[in-house]
C-alpha atoms as a PDB file:
ATOM      1  CA  ALA A   1     -60.732-175.331  30.689  1.00  0.00           C
ATOM      2  CA  GLU A   2     -58.560-174.619  27.546  1.00  0.00           C
ATOM      3  CA  GLU A   3     -61.122-171.880  26.566  1.00  0.00           C
ATOM      4  CA  ALA A   4     -60.813-170.343  30.018  1.00  0.00           C
ATOM      5  CA  GLU A   5     -56.989-170.535  29.548  1.00  0.00           C
ATOM      6  CA  GLU A   6     -57.108-168.859  26.140  1.00  0.00           C
ATOM      7  CA  ALA A   7     -59.446-166.260  27.336  1.00  0.00           C
ATOM      8  CA  ALA A   8     -56.998-165.489  30.312  1.00  0.00           C
ATOM      9  CA  GLU A   9     -54.183-165.367  27.957  1.00  0.00           C
ATOM     10  CA  ALA A  10     -55.836-162.955  25.641  1.00  0.00           C
ATOM     11  CA  GLU A  11     -56.796-160.728  28.558  1.00  0.00           C
ATOM     12  CA  ALA A  12     -53.237-160.812  29.735  1.00  0.00           C
ATOM     13  CA  GLU A  13     -52.002-159.880  26.277  1.00  0.00           C
ATOM     14  CA  GLU A  14     -54.563-157.105  25.967  1.00  0.00           C
ATOM     15  CA  ALA A  15     -53.454-155.773  29.442  1.00  0.00           C
ATOM     16  CA  ALA A  16     -49.862-156.024  28.405  1.00  0.00           C
ATOM     17  CA  ALA A  17     -50.601-154.154  25.280  1.00  0.00           C
ATOM     18  CA  ALA A  18     -52.468-151.481  27.062  1.00  0.00           C
ATOM     19  CA  GLU A  19     -49.633-151.112  29.592  1.00  0.00           C
ATOM     20  CA  GLU A  20     -47.160-150.641  26.745  1.00  0.00           C
ATOM     21  CA  ALA A  21     -49.264-148.233  24.992  1.00  0.00           C
ATOM     22  CA  ASP A  22     -49.673-146.214  28.283  1.00  0.00           C
ATOM     23  CA  ARG A  23     -45.758-146.357  28.740  1.00  0.00           C
ATOM     24  CA  ILE A  24     -45.256-145.132  25.213  1.00  0.00           C
ATOM     25  CA  LEU A  25     -47.688-142.331  25.655  1.00  0.00           C
ATOM     26  CA  ALA A  26     -46.089-141.347  29.035  1.00  0.00           C
ATOM     27  CA  GLU A  27     -42.770-141.313  27.270  1.00  0.00           C
ATOM     28  CA  LYS A  28     -44.013-139.053  24.754  1.00  0.00           C
ATOM     29  CA  VAL A  29     -45.711-136.752  27.018  1.00  0.00           C
ATOM     30  CA  ALA A  30     -42.541-136.623  29.154  1.00  0.00           C
ATOM     31  CA  ALA A  31     -40.521-135.999  25.993  1.00  0.00           C
ATOM     32  CA  GLU A  32     -42.717-133.155  24.822  1.00  0.00           C
ATOM     33  CA  ARG A  33     -42.491-131.594  28.368  1.00  0.00           C
ATOM     34  CA  ALA A  34     -38.815-131.898  28.363  1.00  0.00           C
ATOM     35  CA  LYS A  35     -38.568-130.211  25.010  1.00  0.00           C
ATOM     36  CA  ALA A  36     -40.865-127.415  26.211  1.00  0.00           C
ATOM     37  CA  LYS A  37     -38.821-126.988  29.305  1.00  0.00           C
ATOM     38  CA  ALA A  38     -35.538-126.899  27.303  1.00  0.00           C
ATOM     39  CA  ALA A  39     -37.130-124.310  24.959  1.00  0.00           C
ATOM     40  CA  GLU A  40     -38.234-122.193  27.839  1.00  0.00           C
ATOM     41  CA  LYS A  41     -34.966-122.398  29.413  1.00  0.00           C
ATOM     42  CA  GLY A  42     -33.202-121.371  26.068  1.00  0.00           C
ATOM     43  CA  LYS A  43     -35.427-118.413  26.119  1.00  0.00           C
ATOM     44  CA  ILE A  44     -34.709-117.480  29.670  1.00  0.00           C
ATOM     45  CA  GLU A  45     -30.851-117.926  29.096  1.00  0.00           C
ATOM     46  CA  GLU A  46     -31.078-115.670  25.999  1.00  0.00           C
ATOM     47  CA  ARG A  47     -32.869-112.987  27.812  1.00  0.00           C
ATOM     48  CA  ALA A  48     -30.271-113.332  30.670  1.00  0.00           C
ATOM     49  CA  SER A  49     -27.438-112.990  28.062  1.00  0.00           C
ATOM     50  CA  GLU A  50     -28.977-109.940  26.690  1.00  0.00           C
ATOM     51  CA  SER A  51     -29.340-108.479  30.041  1.00  0.00           C
ATOM     52  CA  ASP A  52     -25.657-109.259  30.806  1.00  0.00           C
ATOM     53  CA  LEU A  53     -24.743-107.497  27.641  1.00  0.00           C
ATOM     54  CA  ARG A  54     -26.699-104.466  28.535  1.00  0.00           C
ATOM     55  CA  MET A  55     -25.103-104.383  31.993  1.00  0.00           C
ATOM     56  CA  GLU A  56     -21.619-104.826  30.395  1.00  0.00           C
ATOM     57  CA  ALA A  57     -22.346-101.847  27.987  1.00  0.00           C
ATOM     58  CA  ALA A  58     -23.672 -99.731  30.728  1.00  0.00           C
ATOM     59  CA  ILE A  59     -20.640-100.335  32.857  1.00  0.00           C
ATOM     60  CA  ALA A  60     -18.339 -99.624  29.945  1.00  0.00           C
ATOM     61  CA  HIS A  61     -20.073 -96.407  29.323  1.00  0.00           C
ATOM     62  CA  ALA A  62     -19.819 -95.440  33.152  1.00  0.00           C
ATOM     63  CA  ASN A  63     -16.063 -96.261  33.099  1.00  0.00           C
ATOM     64  CA  ALA A  64     -15.473 -94.028  29.924  1.00  0.00           C
ATOM     65  CA  MET A  65     -17.264 -91.341  31.407  1.00  0.00           C
ATOM     66  CA  ALA A  66     -15.252 -91.544  34.617  1.00  0.00           C
ATOM     67  CA  GLU A  67     -11.974 -91.624  32.638  1.00  0.00           C
ATOM     68  CA  ARG A  68     -12.946 -88.464  30.653  1.00  0.00           C
ATOM     69  CA  ARG A  69     -13.874 -86.836  33.845  1.00  0.00           C
ATOM     70  CA  SER A  70     -10.481 -87.681  35.374  1.00  0.00           C
ATOM     71  CA  HIS A  71      -8.527 -86.462  32.148  1.00  0.00           C
ATOM     72  CA  LYS A  72     -10.535 -83.214  32.241  1.00  0.00           C
ATOM     73  CA  SER A  73      -9.837 -82.695  35.829  1.00  0.00           C
ATOM     74  CA  SER A  74      -6.021 -83.415  35.411  1.00  0.00           C
ATOM     75  CA  GLU A  75      -5.878 -80.970  32.370  1.00  0.00           C
ATOM     76  CA  GLU A  76      -7.528 -78.381  34.594  1.00  0.00           C
ATOM     77  CA  SER A  77      -4.911 -78.867  37.487  1.00  0.00           C
ATOM     78  CA  ALA A  78      -2.038 -78.708  34.803  1.00  0.00           C
ATOM     79  CA  GLY A  79      -3.537 -75.374  33.584  1.00  0.00           C
ATOM     80  CA  ASN A  80      -3.737 -74.000  37.004  1.00  0.00           C
ATOM     81  CA  GLY A  81       0.028 -74.433  37.575  1.00  0.00           C
ATOM     82  CA  ALA A  82       0.218 -78.314  38.705  1.00  0.00           C
ATOM     83  CA  PRO A  83       3.435 -79.973  38.201  1.00  0.00           C
ATOM     84  CA  PRO A  84       3.850 -81.585  34.684  1.00  0.00           C
ATOM     85  CA  ALA A  85       3.143 -85.331  34.014  1.00  0.00           C
ATOM     86  CA  ALA A  86       6.051 -87.706  34.019  1.00  0.00           C
ATOM     87  CA  ALA A  87       8.100 -88.185  30.652  1.00  0.00           C
ATOM     88  CA  PRO A  88       7.477 -91.504  28.576  1.00  0.00           C
ATOM     89  CA  SER A  89      10.660 -92.778  29.431  1.00  0.00           C
ATOM     90  CA  GLU A  90      10.124 -93.019  33.089  1.00  0.00           C
ATOM     91  CA  ALA A  91       8.004 -95.540  34.827  1.00  0.00           C
ATOM     92  CA  PRO A  92       4.302 -95.693  33.781  1.00  0.00           C
ATOM     93  CA  ALA A  93       2.143 -93.543  35.999  1.00  0.00           C
ATOM     94  CA  ALA A  94      -0.781 -94.908  37.836  1.00  0.00           C
ATOM     95  CA  ALA A  95      -4.120 -95.007  36.223  1.00  0.00           C
ATOM     96  CA  PRO A  96      -6.050 -91.701  36.752  1.00  0.00           C
ATOM     97  CA  THR A  97      -8.839 -92.311  39.387  1.00  0.00           C
ATOM     98  CA  PRO A  98     -12.039 -90.147  39.527  1.00  0.00           C
ATOM     99  CA  PRO A  99     -12.352 -87.394  42.289  1.00  0.00           C
ATOM    100  CA  GLU A 100     -13.961 -88.728  45.411  1.00  0.00           C
ATOM    101  CA  SER A 101     -16.628 -86.055  45.095  1.00  0.00           C
ATOM    102  CA  SER A 102     -17.847 -87.289  41.665  1.00  0.00           C
ATOM    103  CA  ASP A 103     -20.385 -90.310  41.794  1.00  0.00           C
ATOM    104  CA  VAL A 104     -21.023 -92.394  38.904  1.00  0.00           C
ATOM    105  CA  ILE A 105     -24.682 -93.674  38.705  1.00  0.00           C
ATOM    106  CA  VAL A 106     -25.439 -96.578  36.303  1.00  0.00           C
ATOM    107  CA  ASP A 107     -29.175 -96.864  35.392  1.00  0.00           C
ATOM    108  CA  VAL A 108     -29.725-100.120  33.687  1.00  0.00           C
ATOM    109  CA  ASP A 109     -33.278-100.770  32.477  1.00  0.00           C
ATOM    110  CA  LEU A 110     -33.906-104.513  32.602  1.00  0.00           C
ATOM    111  CA  ALA A 111     -37.134-106.057  31.655  1.00  0.00           C
ATOM    112  CA  THR A 112     -38.435-108.568  34.177  1.00  0.00           C
ATOM    113  CA  PRO A 113     -39.371-112.058  32.708  1.00  0.00           C
ATOM    114  CA  GLY A 114     -43.087-111.225  33.174  1.00  0.00           C
ATOM    115  CA  ALA A 115     -42.837-108.094  31.112  1.00  0.00           C
ATOM    116  CA  ALA A 116     -40.804-109.868  28.426  1.00  0.00           C
ATOM    117  CA  LYS A 117     -43.245-112.552  28.367  1.00  0.00           C
ATOM    118  CA  PHE A 118     -46.211-110.006  28.010  1.00  0.00           C
ATOM    119  CA  MET A 119     -44.329-108.150  25.316  1.00  0.00           C
ATOM    120  CA  ASP A 120     -43.681-111.404  23.313  1.00  0.00           C
ATOM    121  CA  THR A 121     -47.541-112.300  23.744  1.00  0.00           C
ATOM    122  CA  LEU A 122     -48.391-109.025  22.316  1.00  0.00           C
ATOM    123  CA  SER A 123     -46.134-109.330  19.308  1.00  0.00           C
ATOM    124  CA  ASP A 124     -47.484-112.699  18.691  1.00  0.00           C
ATOM    125  CA  VAL A 125     -51.159-111.484  18.816  1.00  0.00           C
ATOM    126  CA  GLY A 126     -50.340-108.535  16.693  1.00  0.00           C
ATOM    127  CA  SER A 127     -48.761-110.718  13.947  1.00  0.00           C
ATOM    128  CA  ARG A 128     -51.850-113.068  14.239  1.00  0.00           C
ATOM    129  CA  VAL A 129     -54.122-110.213  13.914  1.00  0.00           C
ATOM    130  CA  GLY A 130     -52.365-108.815  10.886  1.00  0.00           C
ATOM    131  CA  GLY A 131     -52.685-112.048   8.925  1.00  0.00           C
ATOM    132  CA  LEU A 132     -56.513-111.953   9.143  1.00  0.00           C
ATOM    133  CA  GLY A 133     -58.453-110.899   6.026  1.00  0.00           C
ATOM    134  CA  SER A 134     -61.764-108.926   5.652  1.00  0.00           C
ATOM    135  CA  ASP A 135     -63.449-112.357   5.216  1.00  0.00           C
ATOM    136  CA  ASP A 136     -62.203-113.644   8.268  1.00  0.00           C
ATOM    137  CA  VAL A 137     -63.113-110.470  10.264  1.00  0.00           C
ATOM    138  CA  SER A 138     -66.634-110.289   8.918  1.00  0.00           C
ATOM    139  CA  ASP A 139     -67.299-114.102   9.664  1.00  0.00           C
ATOM    140  CA  GLY A 140     -65.762-113.496  13.295  1.00  0.00           C
ATOM    141  CA  MET A 141     -67.899-110.568  13.869  1.00  0.00           C
ATOM    142  CA  TYR A 142     -71.055-112.597  12.788  1.00  0.00           C
ATOM    143  CA  GLU A 143     -70.035-115.335  15.155  1.00  0.00           C
ATOM    144  CA  LEU A 144     -69.394-112.960  17.894  1.00  0.00           C
ATOM    145  CA  SER A 145     -72.946-111.304  17.500  1.00  0.00           C
ATOM    146  CA  ARG A 146     -74.541-114.791  17.648  1.00  0.00           C
ATOM    147  CA  ARG A 147     -72.731-115.724  20.901  1.00  0.00           C
ATOM    148  CA  CYS A 148     -73.472-112.293  22.440  1.00  0.00           C
ATOM    149  CA  GLY A 149     -77.024-112.645  21.461  1.00  0.00           C
ATOM    150  CA  SER A 150     -77.437-116.080  22.882  1.00  0.00           C
ATOM    151  CA  THR A 151     -75.688-115.004  26.172  1.00  0.00           C
ATOM    152  CA  MET A 152     -78.054-112.021  26.276  1.00  0.00           C
ATOM    153  CA  LYS A 153     -81.067-114.152  26.003  1.00  0.00           C
ATOM    154  CA  SER A 154     -79.877-116.570  28.826  1.00  0.00           C
ATOM    155  CA  SER A 155     -79.163-113.549  30.999  1.00  0.00           C
ATOM    156  CA  LEU A 156     -82.828-112.242  30.387  1.00  0.00           C
ATOM    157  CA  ILE A 157     -84.381-115.636  30.998  1.00  0.00           C
ATOM    158  CA  ALA A 158     -82.443-115.863  34.326  1.00  0.00           C
ATOM    159  CA  PHE A 159     -83.404-112.464  35.381  1.00  0.00           C
ATOM    160  CA  LYS A 160     -87.111-112.904  34.578  1.00  0.00           C
ATOM    161  CA  GLU A 161     -87.381-116.199  36.456  1.00  0.00           C
ATOM    162  CA  HIS A 162     -85.827-114.780  39.595  1.00  0.00           C
ATOM    163  CA  ALA A 163     -87.935-111.629  39.143  1.00  0.00           C
ATOM    164  CA  LEU A 164     -91.025-113.856  39.064  1.00  0.00           C
ATOM    165  CA  ASP A 165     -89.765-115.686  42.129  1.00  0.00           C
ATOM    166  CA  ILE A 166     -89.443-112.405  44.085  1.00  0.00           C
ATOM    167  CA  ALA A 167     -92.826-111.180  42.927  1.00  0.00           C
ATOM    168  CA  ILE A 168     -94.516-114.479  44.099  1.00  0.00           C
ATOM    169  CA  ALA A 169     -92.592-114.336  47.478  1.00  0.00           C
ATOM    170  CA  ALA A 170     -93.797-110.670  48.058  1.00  0.00           C
ATOM    171  CA  THR A 171     -97.399-111.180  46.940  1.00  0.00           C
ATOM    172  CA  SER A 172     -98.255-114.591  48.330  1.00  0.00           C
ATOM    173  CA  ASP A 173     -99.343-115.289  51.879  1.00  0.00           C
ATOM    174  CA  PRO A 174     -96.449-115.709  54.367  1.00  0.00           C
ATOM    175  CA  PRO A 175     -95.874-118.937  56.181  1.00  0.00           C
ATOM    176  CA  PRO A 176     -97.021-119.176  59.902  1.00  0.00           C
ATOM    177  CA  ASP A 177     -93.419-118.545  61.277  1.00  0.00           C
ATOM    178  CA  GLN A 178     -93.156-115.229  59.046  1.00  0.00           C
ATOM    179  CA  GLN A 179     -96.507-113.600  59.916  1.00  0.00           C
ATOM    180  CA  GLN A 180     -94.587-110.339  61.130  1.00  0.00           C
ATOM    181  CA  VAL A 181     -92.268-110.124  58.128  1.00  0.00           C
ATOM    182  CA  GLY A 182     -93.529-107.614  55.624  1.00  0.00           C
ATOM    183  CA  ALA A 183     -93.734-108.009  51.793  1.00  0.00           C
ATOM    184  CA  VAL A 184     -90.566-105.914  51.164  1.00  0.00           C
ATOM    185  CA  ARG A 185     -88.638-107.920  53.562  1.00  0.00           C
ATOM    186  CA  ARG A 186     -89.665-110.973  52.150  1.00  0.00           C
ATOM    187  CA  ALA A 187     -88.699-109.917  48.607  1.00  0.00           C
ATOM    188  CA  TYR A 188     -85.337-108.756  49.802  1.00  0.00           C
ATOM    189  CA  ASN A 189     -84.676-112.102  51.553  1.00  0.00           C
ATOM    190  CA  LYS A 190     -85.615-113.703  48.309  1.00  0.00           C
ATOM    191  CA  ALA A 191     -83.550-111.626  46.044  1.00  0.00           C
ATOM    192  CA  GLU A 192     -80.187-112.751  44.808  1.00  0.00           C
ATOM    193  CA  MET A 193     -77.814-109.997  43.474  1.00  0.00           C
ATOM    194  CA  ALA A 194     -76.084-112.297  41.146  1.00  0.00           C
ATOM    195  CA  LYS A 195     -79.391-113.039  39.317  1.00  0.00           C
ATOM    196  CA  LEU A 196     -80.560-109.566  39.482  1.00  0.00           C
ATOM    197  CA  GLY A 197     -77.276-108.396  37.881  1.00  0.00           C
ATOM    198  CA  GLN A 198     -78.154-110.358  34.861  1.00  0.00           C
ATOM    199  CA  LEU A 199     -80.387-107.444  33.624  1.00  0.00           C
ATOM    200  CA  PRO A 200     -77.428-105.098  33.188  1.00  0.00           C
ATOM    201  CA  MET A 201     -75.252-107.992  31.798  1.00  0.00           C
ATOM    202  CA  ALA A 202     -78.057-108.692  29.193  1.00  0.00           C
ATOM    203  CA  LEU A 203     -78.021-105.003  28.263  1.00  0.00           C
ATOM    204  CA  LEU A 204     -74.127-104.953  27.834  1.00  0.00           C
ATOM    205  CA  PHE A 205     -74.323-108.077  25.730  1.00  0.00           C
ATOM    206  CA  ALA A 206     -77.078-106.482  23.607  1.00  0.00           C
ATOM    207  CA  ILE A 207     -74.771-103.326  23.039  1.00  0.00           C
ATOM    208  CA  PHE A 208     -71.982-105.913  22.105  1.00  0.00           C
ATOM    209  CA  THR A 209     -74.424-107.782  19.686  1.00  0.00           C
ATOM    210  CA  LEU A 210     -75.410-104.489  17.963  1.00  0.00           C
ATOM    211  CA  PHE A 211     -71.808-103.424  17.535  1.00  0.00           C
ATOM    212  CA  CYS A 212     -70.705-106.784  16.103  1.00  0.00           C
ATOM    213  CA  THR A 213     -73.802-106.960  13.758  1.00  0.00           C
ATOM    214  CA  VAL A 214     -73.046-103.319  12.511  1.00  0.00           C
ATOM    215  CA  ALA A 215     -69.371-104.373  11.931  1.00  0.00           C
ATOM    216  CA  PHE A 216     -70.259-107.395  10.033  1.00  0.00           C
ATOM    217  CA  ALA A 217     -72.751-105.592   7.952  1.00  0.00           C
ATOM    218  CA  VAL A 218     -70.279-102.673   7.242  1.00  0.00           C
ATOM    219  CA  ILE A 219     -67.590-105.282   6.033  1.00  0.00           C
ATOM    220  CA  HIS A 220     -69.748-108.071   4.409  1.00  0.00           C
ATOM    221  CA  PHE A 221     -72.296-106.424   2.346  1.00  0.00           C
ATOM    222  CA  PRO A 222     -70.230-103.608   0.506  1.00  0.00           C
ATOM    223  CA  LYS A 223     -67.626-106.255  -0.310  1.00  0.00           C
ATOM    224  CA  LYS A 224     -70.373-108.600  -1.673  1.00  0.00           C
ATOM    225  CA  TYR A 225     -72.659-106.245  -3.495  1.00  0.00           C
ATOM    226  CA  ALA A 226     -70.514-103.195  -4.237  1.00  0.00           C
ATOM    227  CA  PRO A 227     -68.793-104.710  -7.376  1.00  0.00           C
ATOM    228  CA  ALA A 228     -72.015-106.016  -8.802  1.00  0.00           C
ATOM    229  CA  LEU A 229     -73.778-102.707  -8.350  1.00  0.00           C
ATOM    230  CA  LEU A 230     -70.889-100.783  -9.802  1.00  0.00           C
ATOM    231  CA  HIS A 231     -70.867-103.112 -12.912  1.00  0.00           C
ATOM    232  CA  LYS A 232     -74.632-102.678 -13.300  1.00  0.00           C
ATOM    233  CA  ALA A 233     -74.400 -98.894 -12.835  1.00  0.00           C
ATOM    234  CA  LYS A 234     -71.773 -98.728 -15.649  1.00  0.00           C
ATOM    235  CA  ALA A 235     -73.867-100.947 -17.898  1.00  0.00           C
ATOM    236  CA  LYS A 236     -76.910 -98.755 -17.489  1.00  0.00           C
ATOM    237  CA  ALA A 237     -74.818 -95.655 -17.846  1.00  0.00           C
ATOM    238  CA  ILE A 238     -73.470 -97.038 -21.289  1.00  0.00           C
ATOM    239  CA  GLU A 239     -77.129 -98.318 -22.141  1.00  0.00           C
ATOM    240  CA  TYR A 240     -78.723 -94.959 -21.506  1.00  0.00           C
ATOM    241  CA  LYS A 241     -75.766 -92.903 -23.013  1.00  0.00           C
ATOM    242  CA  VAL A 242     -75.064 -91.032 -19.936  1.00  0.00           C
ATOM    243  CA  TYR A 243     -71.636 -90.258 -20.724  1.00  0.00           C
ATOM    244  CA  ASP A 244     -72.501 -89.067 -24.199  1.00  0.00           C
ATOM    245  CA  GLY A 245     -75.223 -86.867 -22.798  1.00  0.00           C
ATOM    246  CA  ALA A 246     -72.792 -85.432 -20.216  1.00  0.00           C
ATOM    247  CA  LYS A 247     -70.353 -84.619 -23.096  1.00  0.00           C
ATOM    248  CA  ALA A 248     -72.971 -82.986 -25.095  1.00  0.00           C
ATOM    249  CA  ALA A 249     -74.287 -80.953 -22.124  1.00  0.00           C
ATOM    250  CA  ALA A 250     -70.713 -79.790 -21.452  1.00  0.00           C
ATOM    251  CA  SER A 251     -70.176 -78.792 -25.104  1.00  0.00           C
ATOM    252  CA  ARG A 252     -73.628 -76.926 -25.225  1.00  0.00           C
ATOM    253  CA  LEU A 253     -72.785 -75.183 -21.988  1.00  0.00           C
ATOM    254  CA  LYS A 254     -69.366 -74.280 -23.302  1.00  0.00           C
ATOM    255  CA  LEU A 255     -70.920 -72.809 -26.607  1.00  0.00           C
ATOM    256  CA  ALA A 256     -73.724 -70.913 -24.713  1.00  0.00           C
ATOM    257  CA  SER A 257     -71.004 -69.243 -22.509  1.00  0.00           C
ATOM    258  CA  THR A 258     -68.857 -68.391 -25.422  1.00  0.00           C
ATOM    259  CA  SER A 259     -71.844 -66.736 -27.313  1.00  0.00           C
ATOM    260  CA  ALA A 260     -72.876 -64.931 -24.262  1.00  0.00           C
ATOM    261  CA  TYR A 261     -69.403 -63.516 -23.760  1.00  0.00           C
ATOM    262  CA  HIS A 262     -69.398 -62.324 -27.375  1.00  0.00           C
ATOM    263  CA  SER A 263     -72.694 -60.778 -27.141  1.00  0.00           C
ATOM    264  CA  ALA A 264     -71.789 -58.876 -23.823  1.00  0.00           C
ATOM    265  CA  SER A 265     -68.735 -57.837 -25.541  1.00  0.00           C
ATOM    266  CA  GLU A 266     -70.396 -56.420 -28.683  1.00  0.00           C
ATOM    267  CA  ALA A 267     -73.134 -54.823 -26.558  1.00  0.00           C
ATOM    268  CA  ALA A 268     -70.638 -52.926 -24.328  1.00  0.00           C
ATOM    269  CA  ALA A 269     -68.269 -51.870 -27.191  1.00  0.00           C
ATOM    270  CA  PRO A 270     -70.134 -48.518 -27.953  1.00  0.00           C
ATOM    271  CA  HIS A 271     -70.385 -47.627 -24.236  1.00  0.00           C
ATOM    272  CA  LEU A 272     -66.680 -48.292 -23.694  1.00  0.00           C
ATOM    273  CA  ALA A 273     -65.837 -46.072 -26.825  1.00  0.00           C
ATOM    274  CA  LYS A 274     -67.896 -43.182 -25.393  1.00  0.00           C
ATOM    275  CA  GLY A 275     -66.321 -43.579 -21.861  1.00  0.00           C
ATOM    276  CA  MET A 276     -62.860 -43.570 -23.628  1.00  0.00           C
ATOM    277  CA  GLU A 277     -63.796 -40.228 -25.645  1.00  0.00           C
ATOM    278  CA  LYS A 278     -65.186 -38.523 -22.446  1.00  0.00           C
ATOM    279  CA  ALA A 279     -62.006 -39.597 -20.461  1.00  0.00           C
ATOM    280  CA  ALA A 280     -59.772 -38.222 -23.270  1.00  0.00           C
ATOM    281  CA  GLU A 281     -61.787 -34.947 -23.250  1.00  0.00           C
ATOM    282  CA  LEU A 282     -61.531 -34.531 -19.510  1.00  0.00           C
ATOM    283  CA  TYR A 283     -57.657 -35.216 -19.725  1.00  0.00           C
ATOM    284  CA  GLU A 284     -57.178 -32.476 -22.368  1.00  0.00           C
ATOM    285  CA  LYS A 285     -59.232 -30.037 -20.341  1.00  0.00           C
ATOM    286  CA  THR A 286     -57.269 -30.908 -17.193  1.00  0.00           C
ATOM    287  CA  SER A 287     -53.934 -30.614 -19.080  1.00  0.00           C
ATOM    288  CA  SER A 288     -54.838 -27.287 -20.694  1.00  0.00           C
ATOM    289  CA  THR A 289     -56.022 -25.969 -17.285  1.00  0.00           C
ATOM    290  CA  ILE A 290     -52.802 -26.803 -15.574  1.00  0.00           C
ATOM    291  CA  ALA A 291     -50.819 -25.438 -18.569  1.00  0.00           C
ATOM    292  CA  SER A 292     -52.690 -21.997 -18.347  1.00  0.00           C
ATOM    293  CA  SER A 293     -52.507 -21.665 -14.492  1.00  0.00           C
ATOM    294  CA  PRO A 294     -48.863 -20.698 -13.252  1.00  0.00           C
ATOM    295  CA  VAL A 295     -49.712 -22.037  -9.701  1.00  0.00           C
ATOM    296  CA  ALA A 296     -50.787 -25.266 -10.928  1.00  0.00           C
ATOM    297  CA  SER A 297     -47.612 -25.492 -13.167  1.00  0.00           C
ATOM    298  CA  ALA A 298     -45.435 -24.808 -10.311  1.00  0.00           C
ATOM    299  CA  ALA A 299     -47.136 -27.316  -8.046  1.00  0.00           C
ATOM    300  CA  LEU A 300     -46.814 -29.900 -10.612  1.00  0.00           C
ATOM    301  CA  GLU A 301     -43.029 -29.000 -11.082  1.00  0.00           C
ATOM    302  CA  LYS A 302     -42.516 -29.266  -7.308  1.00  0.00           C
ATOM    303  CA  GLY A 303     -44.303 -32.669  -7.224  1.00  0.00           C
ATOM    304  CA  LEU A 304     -42.141 -34.027 -10.072  1.00  0.00           C
ATOM    305  CA  VAL A 305     -38.961 -32.694  -8.245  1.00  0.00           C
ATOM    306  CA  ALA A 306     -39.927 -34.366  -4.849  1.00  0.00           C
ATOM    307  CA  THR A 307     -40.879 -37.510  -6.674  1.00  0.00           C
ATOM    308  CA  SER A 308     -37.332 -37.660  -8.191  1.00  0.00           C
ATOM    309  CA  GLN A 309     -35.707 -37.089  -4.758  1.00  0.00           C
ATOM    310  CA  VAL A 310     -37.726 -39.688  -3.215  1.00  0.00           C
ATOM    311  CA  ARG A 311     -36.644 -42.225  -5.919  1.00  0.00           C
END
């Protein structure tokens, strides 16, 4: 009896402890919910205050525009012969009112709570994506390719199994109550569009798998092997003296081009001298012909005069 009483007391204590733990957990959950609601309410109030400020600014702008229009209309009426305004010593005049025909339209662009939430989410996503590194992107693309590949395989399996069921229903002997139903009709009755649509879905996931695999390869392998390959290429270039050979080839090319230029200059020098002599002889003959001919001399003189006039 004592053992039973002790067991009952232990069970009661355990039940009380469990109830206390549940109560504490419920209080924590309620506190977290209240905190979240308070934060959301604060955001909503902040957005409402921003909207109120925008509204006040728009109304102030509209009032300023109306006042400017009233001043302008009063100045125009004064210029057209209207009576002058009262002196400052007199009683203050009433505030100018805008003309009845002028309508002030206030266009206030206020974002709805849904639009504000959407824009906040986009900014949050952009900041999170901006914090990703190349290793994170490559690992994520590899994981996406694995998941898309597994989904593609499951879709193909589901389509193959359903296609096999349709083929069996179309080619097997019909039951006694469906003797008049044709094979095509039985296949149509057996077909399910959700399972037949697994084939194009598998094709789509195959394209996604290929894209993610290519993106992973483009990011991962160059980053992993490019520095090592570049280091080895530099080492081999130094080992086989590629840079020295390139410098020697450049110097030889420069020397060969210089010698070819000198050779061509020396070979063309006699021909250039002969050409200059012939040009000098032709010039002397032309000068003597013009000097001996009065018509040519007169034409030359008139050409010089016309040239000076043009200048």
